[in-house]
Amino acid sequence: MQPRPPAEGRDAAASSDVTMRAEMLTYSRSRGLFAGISLEGSTLRQDNGGNQRLYGRKVSAEDIIRKGATPVPPSGQQMIALLNRKSPKNLSDPESLK
């Protein structure tokens, strides 16, 4: 009985960056044994400096989003109006959601 040659492995992957503009395609072909690990992750953080430049004062993301503590700046009003027009609406009786 002759030994079998090592198994061939092929792998393909596609990925992009956060703006969905960069296309990253990979292909690999290997022989033999492979063991590996992939640790991927991302975080979402507020940009305090950006918030201060946009709103003209120090304001947290929580104050902007959850508390509505500051009005939408003029530069963002057109985008907010578009999102409000295109977003699905819940037309249910509010009492039925309790």
PDB file of N, CA and C in Angstrom:
ATOM      1  N   MET A   1       0.841  -1.175   0.000  1.00  0.00           N
ATOM      2  CA  MET A   1       0.000   0.000   0.000  1.00  0.00           C
ATOM      3  C   MET A   1       0.884   1.235   0.000  1.00  0.00           C
ATOM      4  N   GLN A   2       0.633   2.106  -0.941  1.00  0.00           N
ATOM      5  CA  GLN A   2       1.432   3.326  -1.029  1.00  0.00           C
ATOM      6  C   GLN A   2       0.744   4.440  -0.242  1.00  0.00           C
ATOM      7  N   PRO A   3       1.537   5.271   0.411  1.00  0.00           N
ATOM      8  CA  PRO A   3       0.925   6.399   1.133  1.00  0.00           C
ATOM      9  C   PRO A   3       0.316   7.397   0.153  1.00  0.00           C
ATOM     10  N   ARG A   4      -0.786   7.966   0.556  1.00  0.00           N
ATOM     11  CA  ARG A   4      -1.439   8.961  -0.275  1.00  0.00           C
ATOM     12  C   ARG A   4      -0.725  10.300  -0.125  1.00  0.00           C
ATOM     13  N   PRO A   5      -0.675  11.078  -1.178  1.00  0.00           N
ATOM     14  CA  PRO A   5      -0.056  12.396  -1.050  1.00  0.00           C
ATOM     15  C   PRO A   5      -0.889  13.268  -0.119  1.00  0.00           C
ATOM     16  N   PRO A   6      -0.259  14.249   0.494  1.00  0.00           N
ATOM     17  CA  PRO A   6      -1.014  15.139   1.381  1.00  0.00           C
ATOM     18  C   PRO A   6      -2.163  15.802   0.629  1.00  0.00           C
ATOM     19  N   ALA A   7      -3.208  16.042   1.329  1.00  0.00           N
ATOM     20  CA  ALA A   7      -4.391  16.671   0.726  1.00  0.00           C
ATOM     21  C   ALA A   7      -4.077  18.105   0.337  1.00  0.00           C
ATOM     22  N   GLU A   8      -4.669  18.514  -0.765  1.00  0.00           N
ATOM     23  CA  GLU A   8      -4.508  19.893  -1.192  1.00  0.00           C
ATOM     24  C   GLU A   8      -5.668  20.703  -0.643  1.00  0.00           C
ATOM     25  N   GLY A   9      -5.367  21.899  -0.202  1.00  0.00           N
ATOM     26  CA  GLY A   9      -6.411  22.778   0.317  1.00  0.00           C
ATOM     27  C   GLY A   9      -6.473  24.055  -0.480  1.00  0.00           C
ATOM     28  N   ARG A  10      -7.658  24.529  -0.685  1.00  0.00           N
ATOM     29  CA  ARG A  10      -7.856  25.790  -1.391  1.00  0.00           C
ATOM     30  C   ARG A  10      -8.782  26.645  -0.546  1.00  0.00           C
ATOM     31  N   ASP A  11      -8.528  27.932  -0.579  1.00  0.00           N
ATOM     32  CA  ASP A  11      -9.352  28.847   0.197  1.00  0.00           C
ATOM     33  C   ASP A  11      -9.485  30.145  -0.572  1.00  0.00           C
ATOM     34  N   ALA A  12     -10.654  30.704  -0.567  1.00  0.00           N
ATOM     35  CA  ALA A  12     -10.885  32.001  -1.204  1.00  0.00           C
ATOM     36  C   ALA A  12     -11.640  32.867  -0.223  1.00  0.00           C
ATOM     37  N   ALA A  13     -11.361  34.151  -0.261  1.00  0.00           N
ATOM     38  CA  ALA A  13     -12.036  35.081   0.645  1.00  0.00           C
ATOM     39  C   ALA A  13     -12.179  36.422  -0.042  1.00  0.00           C
ATOM     40  N   ALA A  14     -13.213  37.155   0.334  1.00  0.00           N
ATOM     41  CA  ALA A  14     -13.429  38.509  -0.162  1.00  0.00           C
ATOM     42  C   ALA A  14     -13.732  39.382   1.027  1.00  0.00           C
ATOM     43  N   SER A  15     -13.240  40.600   0.999  1.00  0.00           N
ATOM     44  CA  SER A  15     -13.431  41.504   2.118  1.00  0.00           C
ATOM     45  C   SER A  15     -13.434  42.925   1.596  1.00  0.00           C
ATOM     46  N   SER A  16     -13.793  43.861   2.441  1.00  0.00           N
ATOM     47  CA  SER A  16     -13.779  45.265   2.072  1.00  0.00           C
ATOM     48  C   SER A  16     -13.456  46.083   3.299  1.00  0.00           C
ATOM     49  N   ASP A  17     -13.279  47.391   3.102  1.00  0.00           N
ATOM     50  CA  ASP A  17     -13.036  48.259   4.234  1.00  0.00           C
ATOM     51  C   ASP A  17     -14.357  48.832   4.734  1.00  0.00           C
ATOM     52  N   VAL A  18     -14.296  49.671   5.728  1.00  0.00           N
ATOM     53  CA  VAL A  18     -15.506  50.179   6.371  1.00  0.00           C
ATOM     54  C   VAL A  18     -16.346  51.038   5.423  1.00  0.00           C
ATOM     55  N   THR A  19     -15.718  51.679   4.433  1.00  0.00           N
ATOM     56  CA  THR A  19     -16.469  52.510   3.504  1.00  0.00           C
ATOM     57  C   THR A  19     -16.981  51.722   2.314  1.00  0.00           C
ATOM     58  N   MET A  20     -16.701  50.426   2.261  1.00  0.00           N
ATOM     59  CA  MET A  20     -17.136  49.528   1.189  1.00  0.00           C
ATOM     60  C   MET A  20     -16.591  49.971  -0.174  1.00  0.00           C
ATOM     61  N   ARG A  21     -15.392  50.556  -0.193  1.00  0.00           N
ATOM     62  CA  ARG A  21     -14.792  50.987  -1.452  1.00  0.00           C
ATOM     63  C   ARG A  21     -13.602  50.115  -1.835  1.00  0.00           C
ATOM     64  N   ALA A  22     -12.940  49.546  -0.860  1.00  0.00           N
ATOM     65  CA  ALA A  22     -11.756  48.737  -1.159  1.00  0.00           C
ATOM     66  C   ALA A  22     -12.165  47.283  -1.299  1.00  0.00           C
ATOM     67  N   GLU A  23     -11.733  46.666  -2.379  1.00  0.00           N
ATOM     68  CA  GLU A  23     -12.011  45.256  -2.587  1.00  0.00           C
ATOM     69  C   GLU A  23     -10.730  44.485  -2.338  1.00  0.00           C
ATOM     70  N   MET A  24     -10.801  43.522  -1.452  1.00  0.00           N
ATOM     71  CA  MET A  24      -9.648  42.700  -1.159  1.00  0.00           C
ATOM     72  C   MET A  24     -10.027  41.249  -1.415  1.00  0.00           C
ATOM     73  N   LEU A  25      -9.411  40.654  -2.395  1.00  0.00           N
ATOM     74  CA  LEU A  25      -9.685  39.273  -2.748  1.00  0.00           C
ATOM     75  C   LEU A  25      -8.428  38.457  -2.488  1.00  0.00           C
ATOM     76  N   THR A  26      -8.606  37.296  -1.910  1.00  0.00           N
ATOM     77  CA  THR A  26      -7.461  36.428  -1.660  1.00  0.00           C
ATOM     78  C   THR A  26      -7.782  35.023  -2.127  1.00  0.00           C
ATOM     79  N   TYR A  27      -6.755  34.317  -2.537  1.00  0.00           N
ATOM     80  CA  TYR A  27      -6.881  32.922  -2.922  1.00  0.00           C
ATOM     81  C   TYR A  27      -5.607  32.237  -2.472  1.00  0.00           C
ATOM     82  N   SER A  28      -5.735  31.090  -1.887  1.00  0.00           N
ATOM     83  CA  SER A  28      -4.537  30.358  -1.483  1.00  0.00           C
ATOM     84  C   SER A  28      -4.720  28.885  -1.793  1.00  0.00           C
ATOM     85  N   ARG A  29      -3.611  28.252  -2.071  1.00  0.00           N
ATOM     86  CA  ARG A  29      -3.602  26.817  -2.323  1.00  0.00           C
ATOM     87  C   ARG A  29      -2.423  26.265  -1.546  1.00  0.00           C
ATOM     88  N   SER A  30      -2.680  25.264  -0.764  1.00  0.00           N
ATOM     89  CA  SER A  30      -1.601  24.718   0.062  1.00  0.00           C
ATOM     90  C   SER A  30      -1.677  23.199   0.073  1.00  0.00           C
ATOM     91  N   ARG A  31      -0.568  22.617   0.443  1.00  0.00           N
ATOM     92  CA  ARG A  31      -0.497  21.163   0.585  1.00  0.00           C
ATOM     93  C   ARG A  31      -0.070  20.877   2.010  1.00  0.00           C
ATOM     94  N   GLY A  32      -0.556  19.802   2.528  1.00  0.00           N
ATOM     95  CA  GLY A  32      -0.127  19.402   3.858  1.00  0.00           C
ATOM     96  C   GLY A  32      -1.113  19.828   4.921  1.00  0.00           C
ATOM     97  N   LEU A  33      -0.620  19.954   6.113  1.00  0.00           N
ATOM     98  CA  LEU A  33      -1.432  20.251   7.278  1.00  0.00           C
ATOM     99  C   LEU A  33      -1.392  21.737   7.578  1.00  0.00           C
ATOM    100  N   PHE A  34      -2.535  22.282   7.872  1.00  0.00           N
ATOM    101  CA  PHE A  34      -2.616  23.694   8.235  1.00  0.00           C
ATOM    102  C   PHE A  34      -3.477  23.827   9.473  1.00  0.00           C
ATOM    103  N   ALA A  35      -2.998  24.605  10.399  1.00  0.00           N
ATOM    104  CA  ALA A  35      -3.795  24.941  11.584  1.00  0.00           C
ATOM    105  C   ALA A  35      -3.629  26.436  11.794  1.00  0.00           C
ATOM    106  N   GLY A  36      -4.707  27.123  12.010  1.00  0.00           N
ATOM    107  CA  GLY A  36      -4.600  28.563  12.182  1.00  0.00           C
ATOM    108  C   GLY A  36      -5.748  29.113  12.986  1.00  0.00           C
ATOM    109  N   ILE A  37      -5.647  30.390  13.254  1.00  0.00           N
ATOM    110  CA  ILE A  37      -6.677  31.074  14.016  1.00  0.00           C
ATOM    111  C   ILE A  37      -6.848  32.462  13.425  1.00  0.00           C
ATOM    112  N   SER A  38      -8.034  32.932  13.422  1.00  0.00           N
ATOM    113  CA  SER A  38      -8.320  34.277  12.935  1.00  0.00           C
ATOM    114  C   SER A  38      -9.070  35.015  14.033  1.00  0.00           C
ATOM    115  N   LEU A  39      -8.520  36.116  14.451  1.00  0.00           N
ATOM    116  CA  LEU A  39      -9.176  36.961  15.444  1.00  0.00           C
ATOM    117  C   LEU A  39      -9.503  38.276  14.754  1.00  0.00           C
ATOM    118  N   GLU A  40     -10.774  38.523  14.549  1.00  0.00           N
ATOM    119  CA  GLU A  40     -11.199  39.744  13.885  1.00  0.00           C
ATOM    120  C   GLU A  40     -12.172  40.479  14.788  1.00  0.00           C
ATOM    121  N   GLY A  41     -12.145  41.755  14.696  1.00  0.00           N
ATOM    122  CA  GLY A  41     -13.086  42.528  15.489  1.00  0.00           C
ATOM    123  C   GLY A  41     -13.026  43.987  15.111  1.00  0.00           C
ATOM    124  N   SER A  42     -13.952  44.734  15.626  1.00  0.00           N
ATOM    125  CA  SER A  42     -13.969  46.165  15.375  1.00  0.00           C
ATOM    126  C   SER A  42     -14.596  46.853  16.570  1.00  0.00           C
ATOM    127  N   THR A  43     -14.379  48.118  16.646  1.00  0.00           N
ATOM    128  CA  THR A  43     -14.969  48.899  17.728  1.00  0.00           C
ATOM    129  C   THR A  43     -15.634  50.129  17.134  1.00  0.00           C
ATOM    130  N   LEU A  44     -16.561  50.658  17.844  1.00  0.00           N
ATOM    131  CA  LEU A  44     -17.242  51.883  17.469  1.00  0.00           C
ATOM    132  C   LEU A  44     -17.011  52.858  18.605  1.00  0.00           C
ATOM    133  N   ARG A  45     -16.330  53.945  18.301  1.00  0.00           N
ATOM    134  CA  ARG A  45     -16.002  54.917  19.346  1.00  0.00           C
ATOM    135  C   ARG A  45     -16.420  56.308  18.906  1.00  0.00           C
ATOM    136  N   GLN A  46     -16.734  57.137  19.871  1.00  0.00           N
ATOM    137  CA  GLN A  46     -17.092  58.506  19.543  1.00  0.00           C
ATOM    138  C   GLN A  46     -15.827  59.324  19.283  1.00  0.00           C
ATOM    139  N   ASP A  47     -15.950  60.305  18.437  1.00  0.00           N
ATOM    140  CA  ASP A  47     -14.858  61.227  18.121  1.00  0.00           C
ATOM    141  C   ASP A  47     -15.172  62.544  18.812  1.00  0.00           C
ATOM    142  N   ASN A  48     -14.676  62.695  20.019  1.00  0.00           N
ATOM    143  CA  ASN A  48     -15.000  63.896  20.794  1.00  0.00           C
ATOM    144  C   ASN A  48     -14.543  65.172  20.104  1.00  0.00           C
ATOM    145  N   GLY A  49     -13.364  65.122  19.470  1.00  0.00           N
ATOM    146  CA  GLY A  49     -12.881  66.301  18.750  1.00  0.00           C
ATOM    147  C   GLY A  49     -13.780  66.648  17.573  1.00  0.00           C
ATOM    148  N   GLY A  50     -14.239  65.625  16.851  1.00  0.00           N
ATOM    149  CA  GLY A  50     -15.149  65.844  15.732  1.00  0.00           C
ATOM    150  C   GLY A  50     -16.476  66.408  16.202  1.00  0.00           C
ATOM    151  N   ASN A  51     -16.989  65.872  17.303  1.00  0.00           N
ATOM    152  CA  ASN A  51     -18.241  66.399  17.853  1.00  0.00           C
ATOM    153  C   ASN A  51     -18.090  67.871  18.219  1.00  0.00           C
ATOM    154  N   GLN A  52     -16.965  68.218  18.824  1.00  0.00           N
ATOM    155  CA  GLN A  52     -16.749  69.603  19.238  1.00  0.00           C
ATOM    156  C   GLN A  52     -16.645  70.532  18.024  1.00  0.00           C
ATOM    157  N   ARG A  53     -15.962  70.081  16.980  1.00  0.00           N
ATOM    158  CA  ARG A  53     -15.863  70.903  15.762  1.00  0.00           C
ATOM    159  C   ARG A  53     -17.232  71.072  15.094  1.00  0.00           C
ATOM    160  N   LEU A  54     -18.029  70.011  15.057  1.00  0.00           N
ATOM    161  CA  LEU A  54     -19.324  70.069  14.383  1.00  0.00           C
ATOM    162  C   LEU A  54     -20.350  70.886  15.166  1.00  0.00           C
ATOM    163  N   TYR A  55     -20.409  70.677  16.488  1.00  0.00           N
ATOM    164  CA  TYR A  55     -21.424  71.326  17.305  1.00  0.00           C
ATOM    165  C   TYR A  55     -20.939  72.622  17.953  1.00  0.00           C
ATOM    166  N   GLY A  56     -19.651  72.928  17.831  1.00  0.00           N
ATOM    167  CA  GLY A  56     -19.128  74.179  18.376  1.00  0.00           C
ATOM    168  C   GLY A  56     -18.933  74.172  19.877  1.00  0.00           C
ATOM    169  N   ARG A  57     -19.111  73.027  20.495  1.00  0.00           N
ATOM    170  CA  ARG A  57     -18.886  72.889  21.946  1.00  0.00           C
ATOM    171  C   ARG A  57     -18.679  71.414  22.264  1.00  0.00           C
ATOM    172  N   LYS A  58     -18.194  71.157  23.445  1.00  0.00           N
ATOM    173  CA  LYS A  58     -17.965  69.773  23.856  1.00  0.00           C
ATOM    174  C   LYS A  58     -19.316  69.118  24.170  1.00  0.00           C
ATOM    175  N   VAL A  59     -19.605  68.030  23.439  1.00  0.00           N
ATOM    176  CA  VAL A  59     -20.869  67.316  23.623  1.00  0.00           C
ATOM    177  C   VAL A  59     -20.604  65.833  23.373  1.00  0.00           C
ATOM    178  N   SER A  60     -21.199  64.964  24.190  1.00  0.00           N
ATOM    179  CA  SER A  60     -20.960  63.527  24.056  1.00  0.00           C
ATOM    180  C   SER A  60     -21.933  62.907  23.054  1.00  0.00           C
ATOM    181  N   ALA A  61     -21.566  61.755  22.549  1.00  0.00           N
ATOM    182  CA  ALA A  61     -22.446  61.027  21.628  1.00  0.00           C
ATOM    183  C   ALA A  61     -23.768  60.688  22.311  1.00  0.00           C
ATOM    184  N   GLU A  62     -23.722  60.336  23.578  1.00  0.00           N
ATOM    185  CA  GLU A  62     -24.959  60.026  24.310  1.00  0.00           C
ATOM    186  C   GLU A  62     -25.880  61.235  24.363  1.00  0.00           C
ATOM    187  N   ASP A  63     -25.298  62.424  24.612  1.00  0.00           N
ATOM    188  CA  ASP A  63     -26.111  63.644  24.640  1.00  0.00           C
ATOM    189  C   ASP A  63     -26.754  63.911  23.278  1.00  0.00           C
ATOM    190  N   ILE A  64     -26.020  63.621  22.209  1.00  0.00           N
ATOM    191  CA  ILE A  64     -26.524  63.880  20.859  1.00  0.00           C
ATOM    192  C   ILE A  64     -27.609  62.876  20.484  1.00  0.00           C
ATOM    193  N   ILE A  65     -27.319  61.598  20.664  1.00  0.00           N
ATOM    194  CA  ILE A  65     -28.208  60.547  20.161  1.00  0.00           C
ATOM    195  C   ILE A  65     -29.357  60.242  21.108  1.00  0.00           C
ATOM    196  N   ARG A  66     -29.043  59.960  22.345  1.00  0.00           N
ATOM    197  CA  ARG A  66     -30.091  59.496  23.281  1.00  0.00           C
ATOM    198  C   ARG A  66     -30.853  60.612  23.957  1.00  0.00           C
ATOM    199  N   LYS A  67     -30.154  61.666  24.294  1.00  0.00           N
ATOM    200  CA  LYS A  67     -30.802  62.727  25.074  1.00  0.00           C
ATOM    201  C   LYS A  67     -31.333  63.862  24.205  1.00  0.00           C
ATOM    202  N   GLY A  68     -30.897  63.929  22.948  1.00  0.00           N
ATOM    203  CA  GLY A  68     -31.336  65.028  22.084  1.00  0.00           C
ATOM    204  C   GLY A  68     -30.990  66.381  22.668  1.00  0.00           C
ATOM    205  N   ALA A  69     -29.846  66.457  23.338  1.00  0.00           N
ATOM    206  CA  ALA A  69     -29.472  67.662  24.061  1.00  0.00           C
ATOM    207  C   ALA A  69     -29.000  68.794  23.161  1.00  0.00           C
ATOM    208  N   THR A  70     -28.815  68.510  21.896  1.00  0.00           N
ATOM    209  CA  THR A  70     -28.363  69.544  20.970  1.00  0.00           C
ATOM    210  C   THR A  70     -29.084  69.374  19.636  1.00  0.00           C
ATOM    211  N   PRO A  71     -29.465  70.457  19.000  1.00  0.00           N
ATOM    212  CA  PRO A  71     -30.168  70.331  17.713  1.00  0.00           C
ATOM    213  C   PRO A  71     -29.214  69.873  16.613  1.00  0.00           C
ATOM    214  N   VAL A  72     -29.796  69.345  15.539  1.00  0.00           N
ATOM    215  CA  VAL A  72     -29.009  68.939  14.382  1.00  0.00           C
ATOM    216  C   VAL A  72     -28.389  70.197  13.780  1.00  0.00           C
ATOM    217  N   PRO A  73     -27.071  70.187  13.541  1.00  0.00           N
ATOM    218  CA  PRO A  73     -26.448  71.372  12.941  1.00  0.00           C
ATOM    219  C   PRO A  73     -26.916  71.547  11.502  1.00  0.00           C
ATOM    220  N   PRO A  74     -26.840  72.765  10.972  1.00  0.00           N
ATOM    221  CA  PRO A  74     -27.292  73.014   9.597  1.00  0.00           C
ATOM    222  C   PRO A  74     -26.658  72.068   8.575  1.00  0.00           C
ATOM    223  N   SER A  75     -25.408  71.687   8.777  1.00  0.00           N
ATOM    224  CA  SER A  75     -24.728  70.816   7.814  1.00  0.00           C
ATOM    225  C   SER A  75     -25.308  69.410   7.783  1.00  0.00           C
ATOM    226  N   GLY A  76     -26.068  69.011   8.804  1.00  0.00           N
ATOM    227  CA  GLY A  76     -26.637  67.673   8.852  1.00  0.00           C
ATOM    228  C   GLY A  76     -28.133  67.616   8.634  1.00  0.00           C
ATOM    229  N   GLN A  77     -28.785  68.756   8.495  1.00  0.00           N
ATOM    230  CA  GLN A  77     -30.245  68.776   8.408  1.00  0.00           C
ATOM    231  C   GLN A  77     -30.775  68.099   7.143  1.00  0.00           C
ATOM    232  N   GLN A  78     -30.094  68.257   6.020  1.00  0.00           N
ATOM    233  CA  GLN A  78     -30.553  67.630   4.782  1.00  0.00           C
ATOM    234  C   GLN A  78     -30.470  66.105   4.900  1.00  0.00           C
ATOM    235  N   MET A  79     -29.386  65.600   5.507  1.00  0.00           N
ATOM    236  CA  MET A  79     -29.248  64.152   5.671  1.00  0.00           C
ATOM    237  C   MET A  79     -30.325  63.602   6.613  1.00  0.00           C
ATOM    238  N   ILE A  80     -30.575  64.265   7.715  1.00  0.00           N
ATOM    239  CA  ILE A  80     -31.591  63.819   8.671  1.00  0.00           C
ATOM    240  C   ILE A  80     -32.970  63.832   8.016  1.00  0.00           C
ATOM    241  N   ALA A  81     -33.261  64.853   7.215  1.00  0.00           N
ATOM    242  CA  ALA A  81     -34.555  64.916   6.522  1.00  0.00           C
ATOM    243  C   ALA A  81     -34.704  63.738   5.560  1.00  0.00           C
ATOM    244  N   LEU A  82     -33.649  63.402   4.835  1.00  0.00           N
ATOM    245  CA  LEU A  82     -33.694  62.258   3.918  1.00  0.00           C
ATOM    246  C   LEU A  82     -33.905  60.959   4.684  1.00  0.00           C
ATOM    247  N   LEU A  83     -33.179  60.761   5.777  1.00  0.00           N
ATOM    248  CA  LEU A  83     -33.345  59.546   6.578  1.00  0.00           C
ATOM    249  C   LEU A  83     -34.756  59.444   7.147  1.00  0.00           C
ATOM    250  N   ASN A  84     -35.302  60.549   7.581  1.00  0.00           N
ATOM    251  CA  ASN A  84     -36.676  60.539   8.113  1.00  0.00           C
ATOM    252  C   ASN A  84     -37.699  60.185   7.035  1.00  0.00           C
ATOM    253  N   ARG A  85     -37.469  60.654   5.799  1.00  0.00           N
ATOM    254  CA  ARG A  85     -38.393  60.328   4.704  1.00  0.00           C
ATOM    255  C   ARG A  85     -38.290  58.868   4.298  1.00  0.00           C
ATOM    256  N   LYS A  86     -37.094  58.311   4.276  1.00  0.00           N
ATOM    257  CA  LYS A  86     -36.867  56.961   3.756  1.00  0.00           C
ATOM    258  C   LYS A  86     -36.980  55.861   4.806  1.00  0.00           C
ATOM    259  N   SER A  87     -36.953  56.205   6.080  1.00  0.00           N
ATOM    260  CA  SER A  87     -37.002  55.192   7.139  1.00  0.00           C
ATOM    261  C   SER A  87     -38.409  54.624   7.278  1.00  0.00           C
ATOM    262  N   PRO A  88     -38.505  53.326   7.583  1.00  0.00           N
ATOM    263  CA  PRO A  88     -39.831  52.734   7.800  1.00  0.00           C
ATOM    264  C   PRO A  88     -40.518  53.377   9.009  1.00  0.00           C
ATOM    265  N   LYS A  89     -41.806  53.474   8.931  1.00  0.00           N
ATOM    266  CA  LYS A  89     -42.597  54.071  10.018  1.00  0.00           C
ATOM    267  C   LYS A  89     -43.419  52.986  10.710  1.00  0.00           C
ATOM    268  N   ASN A  90     -43.522  53.067  12.001  1.00  0.00           N
ATOM    269  CA  ASN A  90     -44.373  52.164  12.760  1.00  0.00           C
ATOM    270  C   ASN A  90     -45.730  52.850  12.901  1.00  0.00           C
ATOM    271  N   LEU A  91     -46.691  52.361  12.162  1.00  0.00           N
ATOM    272  CA  LEU A  91     -48.021  52.970  12.163  1.00  0.00           C
ATOM    273  C   LEU A  91     -48.987  52.277  13.126  1.00  0.00           C
ATOM    274  N   SER A  92     -48.450  51.419  13.966  1.00  0.00           N
ATOM    275  CA  SER A  92     -49.291  50.717  14.944  1.00  0.00           C
ATOM    276  C   SER A  92     -49.781  51.678  16.010  1.00  0.00           C
ATOM    277  N   ASP A  93     -50.858  51.282  16.625  1.00  0.00           N
ATOM    278  CA  ASP A  93     -51.365  52.025  17.771  1.00  0.00           C
ATOM    279  C   ASP A  93     -50.312  51.917  18.882  1.00  0.00           C
ATOM    280  N   PRO A  94     -49.801  53.029  19.398  1.00  0.00           N
ATOM    281  CA  PRO A  94     -48.782  52.967  20.439  1.00  0.00           C
ATOM    282  C   PRO A  94     -49.187  52.124  21.646  1.00  0.00           C
ATOM    283  N   GLU A  95     -50.468  52.087  21.922  1.00  0.00           N
ATOM    284  CA  GLU A  95     -50.952  51.290  23.063  1.00  0.00           C
ATOM    285  C   GLU A  95     -50.780  49.792  22.809  1.00  0.00           C
ATOM    286  N   SER A  96     -50.795  49.380  21.539  1.00  0.00           N
ATOM    287  CA  SER A  96     -50.667  47.962  21.241  1.00  0.00           C
ATOM    288  C   SER A  96     -49.234  47.462  21.413  1.00  0.00           C
ATOM    289  N   LEU A  97     -48.281  48.376  21.529  1.00  0.00           N
ATOM    290  CA  LEU A  97     -46.878  48.009  21.678  1.00  0.00           C
ATOM    291  C   LEU A  97     -46.483  47.817  23.131  1.00  0.00           C
ATOM    292  N   LYS A  98     -47.393  48.070  24.051  1.00  0.00           N
ATOM    293  CA  LYS A  98     -47.060  47.946  25.479  1.00  0.00           C
ATOM    294  C   LYS A  98     -47.218  46.531  25.943  1.00  0.00           C
TER     295      LYS A  98
END
